[in-house]
Amino acid sequence: MLSETLCVCGLWQDPNALDVKVLSDFDHVKKDIHIEDEELRLLREDPTYNINMSDDTRRMLKELGTAKGREMAAVGGGGGKAQREHAAAVATLNAAKQACYLISTW
């Protein structure tokens, strides 16, 4: 009953019904007004702005796409343990490839 009353009185509006709204009637559209917000400017300059993260994570994200970042990705990233594990896995794969090559040429 209340929803019917609101609908009849015109108080019930569907925000998704864009076809009944004339966007060119809005004042900011007519006058071509753009608001440059300080928060938006800071976010454009630094995508990690206002995100709670450690300094290590922030530094790591800034290094993505740089030569140092590509080098770290090539060696498996992470700390010394991860790099040693990556080097051991690469050595195992290379040994297996060498063994297959020796068997195939025998």
N, C-alpha and C. Protein backbone atom coordinates (compact mmCIF):
# COMPACT_ATOMS: atom_id res chain seq x y z
N MET A 1 0.83 -1.19 0.00
CA MET A 1 0.00 0.00 0.00
C MET A 1 0.87 1.26 0.00
N LEU A 2 1.96 1.24 0.83
CA LEU A 2 2.84 2.40 0.88
C LEU A 2 3.57 2.60 -0.44
N SER A 3 4.03 1.49 -1.05
CA SER A 3 4.73 1.62 -2.32
C SER A 3 3.82 2.14 -3.42
N GLU A 4 2.54 1.76 -3.39
CA GLU A 4 1.59 2.28 -4.38
C GLU A 4 1.39 3.77 -4.17
N THR A 5 1.31 4.20 -2.92
CA THR A 5 1.13 5.62 -2.61
C THR A 5 2.35 6.42 -3.07
N LEU A 6 3.53 5.90 -2.79
CA LEU A 6 4.75 6.59 -3.20
C LEU A 6 4.85 6.67 -4.71
N CYS A 7 4.46 5.61 -5.39
CA CYS A 7 4.53 5.58 -6.84
C CYS A 7 3.54 6.58 -7.44
N VAL A 8 2.32 6.65 -6.90
CA VAL A 8 1.31 7.56 -7.40
C VAL A 8 1.72 9.00 -7.16
N CYS A 9 2.32 9.26 -6.02
CA CYS A 9 2.72 10.63 -5.68
C CYS A 9 3.98 11.06 -6.43
N GLY A 10 4.65 10.15 -7.07
CA GLY A 10 5.87 10.48 -7.79
C GLY A 10 7.10 10.48 -6.92
N LEU A 11 7.00 9.99 -5.70
CA LEU A 11 8.15 9.95 -4.81
C LEU A 11 9.01 8.71 -5.04
N TRP A 12 8.45 7.73 -5.67
CA TRP A 12 9.17 6.48 -5.92
C TRP A 12 9.90 6.63 -7.25
N GLN A 13 11.23 6.62 -7.21
CA GLN A 13 12.01 6.79 -8.42
C GLN A 13 12.93 5.60 -8.60
N ASP A 14 13.07 5.19 -9.84
CA ASP A 14 13.97 4.08 -10.16
C ASP A 14 15.28 4.67 -10.67
N PRO A 15 16.37 4.55 -9.89
CA PRO A 15 17.64 5.16 -10.31
C PRO A 15 18.23 4.49 -11.54
N ASN A 16 17.76 3.29 -11.89
CA ASN A 16 18.27 2.59 -13.07
C ASN A 16 17.52 2.94 -14.33
N ALA A 17 16.42 3.66 -14.22
CA ALA A 17 15.63 4.03 -15.40
C ALA A 17 16.22 5.28 -16.03
N LEU A 18 17.30 5.11 -16.78
CA LEU A 18 17.97 6.25 -17.38
C LEU A 18 17.20 6.82 -18.57
N ASP A 19 16.30 6.03 -19.14
CA ASP A 19 15.56 6.51 -20.29
C ASP A 19 14.57 7.62 -19.94
N VAL A 20 14.16 7.76 -18.68
CA VAL A 20 13.25 8.82 -18.27
C VAL A 20 14.00 10.06 -17.80
N LYS A 21 15.29 9.99 -17.71
CA LYS A 21 16.09 11.14 -17.29
C LYS A 21 16.72 11.79 -18.52
N VAL A 22 16.69 13.08 -18.56
CA VAL A 22 17.33 13.82 -19.65
C VAL A 22 18.64 14.35 -19.10
N LEU A 23 19.73 13.65 -19.44
CA LEU A 23 21.03 13.99 -18.86
C LEU A 23 21.51 15.38 -19.27
N SER A 24 21.08 15.85 -20.44
CA SER A 24 21.53 17.17 -20.88
C SER A 24 20.89 18.30 -20.08
N ASP A 25 19.89 18.00 -19.27
CA ASP A 25 19.25 19.02 -18.43
C ASP A 25 20.02 19.27 -17.13
N PHE A 26 20.95 18.43 -16.79
CA PHE A 26 21.71 18.64 -15.57
C PHE A 26 22.62 19.85 -15.73
N ASP A 27 22.69 20.66 -14.68
CA ASP A 27 23.44 21.91 -14.72
C ASP A 27 24.92 21.69 -15.03
N HIS A 28 25.52 20.68 -14.41
CA HIS A 28 26.96 20.46 -14.63
C HIS A 28 27.24 19.99 -16.06
N VAL A 29 26.25 19.39 -16.72
CA VAL A 29 26.43 19.00 -18.12
C VAL A 29 26.27 20.22 -19.03
N LYS A 30 25.27 21.04 -18.74
CA LYS A 30 25.03 22.24 -19.55
C LYS A 30 26.23 23.17 -19.53
N LYS A 31 26.81 23.35 -18.34
CA LYS A 31 27.91 24.31 -18.18
C LYS A 31 29.28 23.67 -18.32
N ASP A 32 29.32 22.38 -18.61
CA ASP A 32 30.57 21.63 -18.79
C ASP A 32 31.50 21.83 -17.59
N ILE A 33 30.95 21.58 -16.41
CA ILE A 33 31.69 21.76 -15.16
C ILE A 33 32.36 20.45 -14.77
N HIS A 34 33.66 20.50 -14.54
CA HIS A 34 34.43 19.34 -14.09
C HIS A 34 35.08 19.70 -12.76
N ILE A 35 34.94 18.85 -11.81
CA ILE A 35 35.52 19.09 -10.49
C ILE A 35 36.79 18.26 -10.36
N GLU A 36 37.91 18.92 -10.13
CA GLU A 36 39.17 18.23 -9.91
C GLU A 36 39.34 18.05 -8.41
N ASP A 37 39.15 16.86 -7.98
CA ASP A 37 39.24 16.57 -6.57
C ASP A 37 40.69 16.21 -6.22
N GLU A 38 41.17 16.69 -5.10
CA GLU A 38 42.54 16.41 -4.66
C GLU A 38 42.78 14.91 -4.49
N GLU A 39 41.76 14.21 -3.97
CA GLU A 39 41.88 12.75 -3.78
C GLU A 39 42.05 12.05 -5.13
N LEU A 40 41.28 12.47 -6.13
CA LEU A 40 41.39 11.85 -7.46
C LEU A 40 42.76 12.12 -8.08
N ARG A 41 43.26 13.34 -7.89
CA ARG A 41 44.58 13.68 -8.44
C ARG A 41 45.67 12.81 -7.80
N LEU A 42 45.60 12.66 -6.47
CA LEU A 42 46.59 11.84 -5.77
C LEU A 42 46.48 10.38 -6.19
N LEU A 43 45.27 9.91 -6.39
CA LEU A 43 45.07 8.52 -6.82
C LEU A 43 45.61 8.29 -8.22
N ARG A 44 45.45 9.29 -9.11
CA ARG A 44 45.99 9.15 -10.46
C ARG A 44 47.52 9.12 -10.44
N GLU A 45 48.12 9.93 -9.56
CA GLU A 45 49.58 9.98 -9.47
C GLU A 45 50.15 8.73 -8.82
N ASP A 46 49.46 8.19 -7.82
CA ASP A 46 49.95 7.02 -7.08
C ASP A 46 48.77 6.07 -6.84
N PRO A 47 48.65 5.01 -7.65
CA PRO A 47 47.52 4.09 -7.50
C PRO A 47 47.44 3.44 -6.12
N THR A 48 48.54 3.43 -5.38
CA THR A 48 48.52 2.81 -4.05
C THR A 48 48.16 3.82 -2.97
N TYR A 49 47.79 5.03 -3.38
CA TYR A 49 47.43 6.08 -2.43
C TYR A 49 46.25 5.62 -1.57
N ASN A 50 46.34 5.83 -0.29
CA ASN A 50 45.28 5.54 0.68
C ASN A 50 44.98 4.04 0.81
N ILE A 51 45.93 3.20 0.45
CA ILE A 51 45.79 1.75 0.64
C ILE A 51 46.76 1.36 1.75
N ASN A 52 46.25 0.69 2.75
CA ASN A 52 47.07 0.29 3.89
C ASN A 52 47.92 -0.91 3.49
N MET A 53 49.23 -0.70 3.35
CA MET A 53 50.15 -1.79 3.00
C MET A 53 51.52 -1.47 3.57
N SER A 54 52.32 -2.50 3.67
CA SER A 54 53.67 -2.31 4.22
C SER A 54 54.54 -1.58 3.19
N ASP A 55 55.62 -1.00 3.68
CA ASP A 55 56.55 -0.31 2.79
C ASP A 55 57.18 -1.27 1.79
N ASP A 56 57.44 -2.52 2.22
CA ASP A 56 58.00 -3.52 1.30
C ASP A 56 57.06 -3.79 0.14
N THR A 57 55.78 -3.94 0.45
CA THR A 57 54.79 -4.20 -0.60
C THR A 57 54.67 -3.01 -1.53
N ARG A 58 54.66 -1.81 -0.97
CA ARG A 58 54.57 -0.60 -1.79
C ARG A 58 55.78 -0.49 -2.72
N ARG A 59 56.98 -0.77 -2.19
CA ARG A 59 58.20 -0.72 -3.01
C ARG A 59 58.15 -1.77 -4.12
N MET A 60 57.69 -2.97 -3.76
CA MET A 60 57.61 -4.05 -4.74
C MET A 60 56.65 -3.69 -5.88
N LEU A 61 55.49 -3.11 -5.55
CA LEU A 61 54.54 -2.73 -6.57
C LEU A 61 55.09 -1.65 -7.49
N LYS A 62 55.87 -0.71 -6.92
CA LYS A 62 56.46 0.34 -7.74
C LYS A 62 57.53 -0.21 -8.68
N GLU A 63 58.17 -1.32 -8.30
CA GLU A 63 59.24 -1.89 -9.13
C GLU A 63 58.70 -2.78 -10.24
N LEU A 64 57.42 -3.12 -10.20
CA LEU A 64 56.86 -3.93 -11.28
C LEU A 64 57.01 -3.19 -12.60
N GLY A 65 57.37 -3.88 -13.64
CA GLY A 65 57.53 -3.26 -14.94
C GLY A 65 58.88 -2.61 -15.17
N THR A 66 59.71 -2.56 -14.15
CA THR A 66 61.05 -2.00 -14.33
C THR A 66 62.02 -3.14 -14.62
N ALA A 67 63.24 -2.80 -14.97
CA ALA A 67 64.25 -3.81 -15.25
C ALA A 67 64.51 -4.66 -14.01
N LYS A 68 64.55 -4.01 -12.85
CA LYS A 68 64.78 -4.75 -11.61
C LYS A 68 63.63 -5.72 -11.34
N GLY A 69 62.41 -5.31 -11.62
CA GLY A 69 61.26 -6.18 -11.43
C GLY A 69 61.29 -7.39 -12.34
N ARG A 70 61.67 -7.18 -13.61
CA ARG A 70 61.78 -8.30 -14.56
C ARG A 70 62.89 -9.27 -14.13
N GLU A 71 63.99 -8.72 -13.60
CA GLU A 71 65.10 -9.56 -13.13
C GLU A 71 64.65 -10.42 -11.94
N MET A 72 63.92 -9.81 -11.02
CA MET A 72 63.43 -10.56 -9.85
C MET A 72 62.44 -11.65 -10.28
N ALA A 73 61.61 -11.35 -11.25
CA ALA A 73 60.65 -12.36 -11.73
C ALA A 73 61.38 -13.52 -12.40
N ALA A 74 62.48 -13.21 -13.09
CA ALA A 74 63.23 -14.25 -13.79
C ALA A 74 63.89 -15.23 -12.82
N VAL A 75 64.28 -14.73 -11.64
CA VAL A 75 64.93 -15.61 -10.67
C VAL A 75 63.94 -16.16 -9.65
N GLY A 76 62.68 -15.92 -9.86
CA GLY A 76 61.66 -16.51 -8.99
C GLY A 76 61.12 -15.58 -7.94
N GLY A 77 61.60 -14.34 -7.90
CA GLY A 77 61.08 -13.38 -6.94
C GLY A 77 61.36 -13.80 -5.52
N GLY A 78 60.71 -13.15 -4.59
CA GLY A 78 60.84 -13.52 -3.18
C GLY A 78 62.22 -13.29 -2.63
N GLY A 79 62.46 -13.86 -1.47
CA GLY A 79 63.73 -13.71 -0.78
C GLY A 79 64.72 -14.77 -1.23
N GLY A 80 65.77 -14.94 -0.43
CA GLY A 80 66.84 -15.88 -0.76
C GLY A 80 66.36 -17.31 -0.84
N LYS A 81 65.45 -17.72 0.05
CA LYS A 81 64.95 -19.09 0.05
C LYS A 81 64.21 -19.38 -1.26
N ALA A 82 63.35 -18.48 -1.68
CA ALA A 82 62.60 -18.68 -2.92
C ALA A 82 63.54 -18.72 -4.11
N GLN A 83 64.57 -17.87 -4.09
CA GLN A 83 65.51 -17.87 -5.20
C GLN A 83 66.32 -19.16 -5.25
N ARG A 84 66.70 -19.69 -4.09
CA ARG A 84 67.44 -20.96 -4.06
C ARG A 84 66.56 -22.11 -4.55
N GLU A 85 65.28 -22.11 -4.14
CA GLU A 85 64.36 -23.15 -4.59
C GLU A 85 64.15 -23.08 -6.10
N HIS A 86 64.04 -21.86 -6.61
CA HIS A 86 63.88 -21.68 -8.05
C HIS A 86 65.12 -22.17 -8.80
N ALA A 87 66.31 -21.82 -8.30
CA ALA A 87 67.56 -22.25 -8.93
C ALA A 87 67.67 -23.77 -8.90
N ALA A 88 67.27 -24.41 -7.80
CA ALA A 88 67.32 -25.87 -7.71
C ALA A 88 66.36 -26.51 -8.71
N ALA A 89 65.17 -25.94 -8.86
CA ALA A 89 64.20 -26.48 -9.81
C ALA A 89 64.70 -26.34 -11.24
N VAL A 90 65.30 -25.20 -11.56
CA VAL A 90 65.85 -24.99 -12.90
C VAL A 90 66.99 -25.97 -13.16
N ALA A 91 67.85 -26.19 -12.16
CA ALA A 91 68.96 -27.14 -12.32
C ALA A 91 68.43 -28.56 -12.54
N THR A 92 67.38 -28.95 -11.82
CA THR A 92 66.78 -30.28 -11.99
C THR A 92 66.21 -30.42 -13.39
N LEU A 93 65.51 -29.39 -13.87
CA LEU A 93 64.96 -29.45 -15.23
C LEU A 93 66.07 -29.53 -16.28
N ASN A 94 67.13 -28.77 -16.10
CA ASN A 94 68.24 -28.81 -17.05
C ASN A 94 68.91 -30.18 -17.04
N ALA A 95 69.06 -30.79 -15.86
CA ALA A 95 69.66 -32.12 -15.78
C ALA A 95 68.77 -33.15 -16.47
N ALA A 96 67.46 -33.02 -16.30
CA ALA A 96 66.53 -33.95 -16.96
C ALA A 96 66.58 -33.78 -18.47
N LYS A 97 66.66 -32.55 -18.95
CA LYS A 97 66.77 -32.30 -20.39
C LYS A 97 68.06 -32.90 -20.94
N GLN A 98 69.14 -32.73 -20.19
CA GLN A 98 70.44 -33.27 -20.62
C GLN A 98 70.38 -34.79 -20.68
N ALA A 99 69.75 -35.42 -19.68
CA ALA A 99 69.64 -36.88 -19.66
C ALA A 99 68.81 -37.36 -20.84
N CYS A 100 67.73 -36.68 -21.15
CA CYS A 100 66.90 -37.07 -22.30
C CYS A 100 67.69 -36.91 -23.60
N TYR A 101 68.47 -35.86 -23.70
CA TYR A 101 69.28 -35.63 -24.90
C TYR A 101 70.32 -36.74 -25.06
N LEU A 102 70.99 -37.11 -23.95
CA LEU A 102 72.01 -38.16 -24.01
C LEU A 102 71.40 -39.50 -24.41
N ILE A 103 70.22 -39.79 -23.88
CA ILE A 103 69.55 -41.06 -24.21
C ILE A 103 69.13 -41.07 -25.66
N SER A 104 68.62 -39.94 -26.15
CA SER A 104 68.14 -39.90 -27.55
C SER A 104 69.29 -39.95 -28.55
N THR A 105 70.49 -39.51 -28.18
CA THR A 105 71.62 -39.55 -29.09
C THR A 105 72.48 -40.80 -28.94
N TRP A 106 72.12 -41.62 -27.99
CA TRP A 106 72.90 -42.84 -27.73
C TRP A 106 72.70 -43.86 -28.74
